[in-house]
Amino acid sequence: MSRAIPLVPVQVCAIAHNLLIEAYLAQLLRTDHHLRPLRLEQYTGLSPITRRNTVFVLDQSALEVPLCECLRQLRDSCSNAKFIVLDTEKSKEEIVRLLGVGAHGYVSHADVSRTLIRAIVSVAGGQLWVPQEAFQQFLLEVGCVLRKDTHPRQTTTPREDEILELVRRRFSNREIADFLRIRICTVKFHLSNILSKMHANSRRDLIEPPSEKLRKHFPQC
């Protein structure tokens, strides 16, 4: 697949919280003249207008705060921010979770030297950079969230609806708590109410697609 050439330099800020990794990423980004690499302290010194459209490259293995909180803070400081997460090899489900919290791309540590620059250009151009199977799963889950389901939603509170949506995206209790900035015990309290109101026996009943439930009740389907 041919590589799109950006019309203007892409502003990229690498956040690693590890001097060796940060230096390596900076060296890699400087090899492409279509990119304008920035250190975090350089980015924070820019005006709000100049910060726009920055692509952030975050090494998740070295972050000092939860990823969702890091993305929230950067999103608040930058209009039209884009995020690429670097980490160890992840499963399809884990990559879908990254997209769910707002990431636009994922590159494994093993593929950084080979694909990171292409990923940056792609994400800057408005595309997602994840394996095809993860992208397809993400579309399926987004479709499930957007569709009106058959459960009587009027019986759940707005906060319960938020938690139910995140549960269906396969977030853990810790991830839900971090995402909504509430305590884990509060998540568990709301989840217990959701299970009761929806006559569900377990978390799996909230996640399981209707087709799987039908297959259990009607094996011939």
Foldseek 3Di string as FASTA:
>chain_A
DDFDQDPAAAEEEEDEQDVVVNVVVVVLQVVDPSHDYDYPVRLVPDDQVVQELYEYEYACVRDPADPLVVVVVSCVSYHNYAYEYEEADDDLLVVLVVVVSPHQEYDYPVCCSPCVVSQSSQVSVPHGHDDPVSVVVNVVLVVVLPDDDDAPCVVADPVLNLLLSVLLSVDDLVRSCSNVVHDSVVSVVSVVVVCVSRVHDDSCVSNDDPVVVCCVVPVVD
